[in-house]
C-alpha cells in the first residue's frame, strides 16, 4: 500500500495541534501514541479527498488535553485562513473498532514523547460503519474505490470487533452488510484488469 504524498493543509494543521499536545507529555515515562482518525485520516489516505475542520484522536494513555487547542490552515491571504480544532467530543468507546488497530496504523511523525500515527483504511472504515452518516458512507465508498480496503479483511475484522461489542449489534451488522455490497465482484475486477 502506497503512502500518499500530500494529505493537504488541513492535515498539516492537525499535526501542529499534536505538536502542541506533545509539549504537555514531555515528562511522561513512556511514549504516548496518538492515532489520527476521522476526516483527517481520510485526507491522509485519499490525498486530500476532503478536508476536515476538526481532529479526532485516539490516545494510548489517559490524557488531560488543555482546552481550546487549534491550529490555523496555511493560506495565501491570512483572512482566508481556516481553523482546525481538536475534537474534545470524539470518543472511540462507541465506535466499531478492532483491538489490534494499533498494529495496522501507519507511523507519521514523532514529537518528543508523542508519536503520531494514522489508523489504517480498514480500521477507519470500521469506525465509520458505527455512525454511518451520509458523509461516513461516502468516505467508505471512496476507500473502496481507491482499493485501500479488502472486502474479506473488513468483514473478518468487523465480525471480530462485534464480538466485543455490548448492546444491540443488529444495526451495525446491517450497515456492514450494506458496505460489503459496495465492493466490486470478482467478475467486475476481472473486466477492470482486462481493459486496455
Protein backbone atom coordinates (compact mmCIF):
# COMPACT_ATOMS: atom_id res chain seq x y z
CA UNK A 1 0.00 0.00 0.00
CA UNK A 2 1.43 3.34 -1.02
CA UNK A 3 1.55 6.24 1.40
CA UNK A 4 0.13 9.39 -0.22
CA UNK A 5 2.48 12.26 -0.90
CA UNK A 6 0.20 15.08 0.20
CA UNK A 7 -2.74 15.00 2.58
CA UNK A 8 -3.39 18.72 2.40
CA UNK A 9 -3.00 21.83 4.57
CA UNK A 10 -5.79 20.84 6.97
CA UNK A 11 -3.87 17.68 7.82
CA UNK A 12 -0.73 19.76 8.35
CA UNK A 13 -2.67 21.95 10.79
CA UNK A 14 -3.71 18.79 12.65
CA UNK A 15 -0.07 17.83 13.07
CA UNK A 16 0.55 21.29 14.53
CA UNK A 17 -2.08 20.53 17.17
CA UNK A 18 -0.29 17.29 18.03
CA UNK A 19 2.95 19.25 18.40
CA UNK A 20 1.18 21.41 20.99
CA UNK A 21 -0.04 18.32 22.84
CA UNK A 22 3.48 16.85 22.74
CA UNK A 23 4.74 19.69 24.91
CA UNK A 24 2.41 18.54 27.71
CA UNK A 25 3.75 14.97 27.75
CA UNK A 26 7.48 15.74 27.78
CA UNK A 27 7.88 14.29 31.28
CA UNK A 28 5.97 11.09 30.53
CA UNK A 29 7.99 7.95 31.33
CA UNK A 30 6.82 6.16 28.17
CA UNK A 31 5.90 7.14 24.63
CA UNK A 32 2.35 8.39 24.12
CA UNK A 33 0.87 7.17 20.85
CA UNK A 34 -1.71 9.32 19.06
CA UNK A 35 -3.83 7.62 16.39
CA UNK A 36 -5.45 10.06 13.98
CA UNK A 37 -8.93 9.06 12.79
CA UNK A 38 -11.93 10.72 11.14
CA UNK A 39 -11.72 13.28 8.36
CA UNK A 40 -8.01 13.90 8.81
CA UNK A 41 -7.32 10.19 8.26
CA UNK A 42 -9.47 10.36 5.12
CA UNK A 43 -7.40 13.31 3.88
CA UNK A 44 -4.22 11.33 4.52
CA UNK A 45 -5.28 8.13 2.75
CA UNK A 46 -7.15 9.73 -0.13
CA UNK A 47 -4.79 12.61 -0.95
CA UNK A 48 -6.98 15.38 0.38
CA UNK A 49 -10.23 13.80 -0.93
CA UNK A 50 -11.97 16.03 1.56
CA UNK A 51 -10.95 18.42 4.29
CA UNK A 52 -11.97 18.43 7.93
CA UNK A 53 -12.01 21.27 10.44
CA UNK A 54 -11.58 19.03 13.45
CA UNK A 55 -9.05 16.49 14.67
CA UNK A 56 -10.17 13.11 16.03
CA UNK A 57 -7.50 11.26 18.01
CA UNK A 58 -7.31 8.02 19.98
CA UNK A 59 -4.54 8.12 22.59
CA UNK A 60 -2.67 5.18 24.06
CA UNK A 61 -2.82 6.82 27.52
CA UNK A 62 -5.47 8.60 29.54
CA UNK A 63 -4.98 12.25 28.64
CA UNK A 64 -5.71 15.65 30.11
CA UNK A 65 -5.70 17.78 26.97
CA UNK A 66 -5.89 21.53 27.56
CA UNK A 67 -8.99 23.25 26.27
CA UNK A 68 -9.06 25.38 23.15
CA UNK A 69 -6.36 23.61 21.14
CA UNK A 70 -6.39 24.61 17.49
CA UNK A 71 -4.17 25.47 14.54
CA UNK A 72 -4.70 27.65 11.51
CA UNK A 73 -4.55 26.29 7.99
CA UNK A 74 -1.89 27.93 5.83
CA UNK A 75 -3.39 30.32 3.28
CA UNK A 76 -2.00 32.93 0.90
CA UNK A 77 -4.39 35.50 2.34
CA UNK A 78 -4.40 35.39 6.17
CA UNK A 79 -8.04 36.50 6.11
CA UNK A 80 -8.90 33.24 4.31
CA UNK A 81 -7.19 31.04 6.88
CA UNK A 82 -9.42 28.33 8.31
CA UNK A 83 -9.02 26.82 11.76
CA UNK A 84 -8.73 23.17 12.70
CA UNK A 85 -9.86 22.40 16.24
CA UNK A 86 -9.09 19.43 18.45
CA UNK A 87 -12.34 17.46 18.84
CA UNK A 88 -12.93 17.05 22.57
CA UNK A 89 -16.21 15.20 21.92
CA UNK A 90 -14.61 12.38 19.93
CA UNK A 91 -14.84 9.10 21.84
CA UNK A 92 -13.87 5.69 20.46
CA UNK A 93 -15.95 3.92 23.15
CA UNK A 94 -18.97 3.97 20.85
CA UNK A 95 -17.04 3.14 17.67
CA UNK A 96 -16.77 -0.22 16.00
CA UNK A 97 -13.05 -0.70 16.39
CA UNK A 98 -10.84 -3.79 16.40
CA UNK A 99 -8.48 -4.20 19.34
CA UNK A 100 -5.49 -4.71 17.02
CA UNK A 101 -5.88 -1.36 15.24
CA UNK A 102 -2.52 -0.03 16.57
CA UNK A 103 -0.68 -2.84 14.75
CA UNK A 104 -2.13 -1.72 11.41
CA UNK A 105 -1.61 2.01 11.95
CA UNK A 106 0.94 3.94 9.88
CA UNK A 107 3.64 5.97 11.56
CA UNK A 108 3.61 9.66 10.64
CA UNK A 109 5.94 11.61 12.91
CA UNK A 110 7.40 11.69 16.41
CA UNK A 111 7.33 14.85 18.52
CA UNK A 112 9.44 14.08 21.58
CA UNK A 113 7.45 11.69 23.78
CA UNK A 114 4.43 11.74 21.45
CA UNK A 115 4.29 9.62 18.31
CA UNK A 116 1.61 10.27 15.69
CA UNK A 117 0.05 7.51 13.61
CA UNK A 118 -2.82 7.26 11.14
CA UNK A 119 -5.29 4.45 11.65
CA UNK A 120 -5.38 2.08 8.69
CA UNK A 121 -8.02 2.43 5.96
CA UNK A 122 -9.79 -0.75 7.09
CA UNK A 123 -9.97 0.46 10.71
CA UNK A 124 -11.14 3.86 9.51
CA UNK A 125 -13.94 2.15 7.57
CA UNK A 126 -14.93 0.13 10.64
CA UNK A 127 -15.26 3.28 12.72
CA UNK A 128 -17.37 4.90 10.03
CA UNK A 129 -19.74 1.93 9.96
CA UNK A 130 -20.65 2.81 13.57
CA UNK A 131 -22.16 6.22 12.81
CA UNK A 132 -22.92 5.58 9.13
CA UNK A 133 -23.97 9.14 8.29
CA UNK A 134 -24.07 10.22 4.65
CA UNK A 135 -20.52 11.58 4.97
CA UNK A 136 -19.33 8.32 6.54
CA UNK A 137 -20.94 6.30 3.74
CA UNK A 138 -19.28 8.49 1.10
CA UNK A 139 -15.93 8.14 2.84
CA UNK A 140 -16.19 4.34 2.91
CA UNK A 141 -17.16 4.29 -0.77
CA UNK A 142 -14.07 6.39 -1.58
CA UNK A 143 -11.83 3.98 0.36
CA UNK A 144 -13.35 1.13 -1.65
CA UNK A 145 -12.94 2.98 -4.97
CA UNK A 146 -9.30 3.68 -4.18
CA UNK A 147 -8.69 0.00 -3.45
CA UNK A 148 -7.50 0.81 0.07
CA UNK A 149 -9.56 -1.83 1.84
CA UNK A 150 -10.07 -5.53 1.22
CA UNK A 151 -13.62 -6.89 1.49
CA UNK A 152 -12.73 -10.09 3.31
CA UNK A 153 -10.44 -8.32 5.77
CA UNK A 154 -13.12 -5.74 6.54
CA UNK A 155 -15.72 -8.45 7.09
CA UNK A 156 -13.46 -10.54 9.34
CA UNK A 157 -12.29 -7.60 11.44
CA UNK A 158 -15.83 -6.28 11.79
CA UNK A 159 -17.13 -9.64 13.00
CA UNK A 160 -14.24 -9.90 15.48
CA UNK A 161 -14.91 -6.38 16.76
CA UNK A 162 -18.64 -7.06 17.06
CA UNK A 163 -17.89 -9.95 19.43
CA UNK A 164 -16.52 -7.36 21.89
CA UNK A 165 -19.47 -5.01 21.46
CA UNK A 166 -22.03 -4.77 24.27
CA UNK A 167 -25.57 -3.96 23.20
CA UNK A 168 -27.79 -4.44 20.16
CA UNK A 169 -25.45 -5.08 17.23
CA UNK A 170 -28.15 -5.61 14.60
CA UNK A 171 -27.89 -2.06 13.25
CA UNK A 172 -24.11 -2.40 12.90
CA UNK A 173 -24.45 -5.78 11.21
CA UNK A 174 -26.97 -4.32 8.76
CA UNK A 175 -24.63 -1.41 8.00
CA UNK A 176 -21.77 -3.86 7.45
CA UNK A 177 -23.89 -5.92 5.05
CA UNK A 178 -24.63 -2.75 3.05
CA UNK A 179 -20.94 -1.82 2.90
CA UNK A 180 -19.98 -5.28 1.66
CA UNK A 181 -22.21 -4.76 -1.40
CA UNK A 182 -20.08 -1.75 -2.42
CA UNK A 183 -17.08 -3.87 -3.31
CA UNK A 184 -16.68 -4.91 -6.95
CA UNK A 185 -17.47 -8.53 -7.70
CA UNK A 186 -14.80 -10.95 -8.93
CA UNK A 187 -16.21 -10.57 -12.46
CA UNK A 188 -16.04 -6.77 -12.27
CA UNK A 189 -12.43 -6.96 -11.07
CA UNK A 190 -11.60 -9.28 -13.97
CA UNK A 191 -13.16 -6.91 -16.52
CA UNK A 192 -11.27 -3.97 -14.99
CA UNK A 193 -7.97 -5.82 -15.35
CA UNK A 194 -8.71 -6.66 -18.99
CA UNK A 195 -9.37 -3.06 -20.02
CA UNK A 196 -6.68 -1.68 -22.38
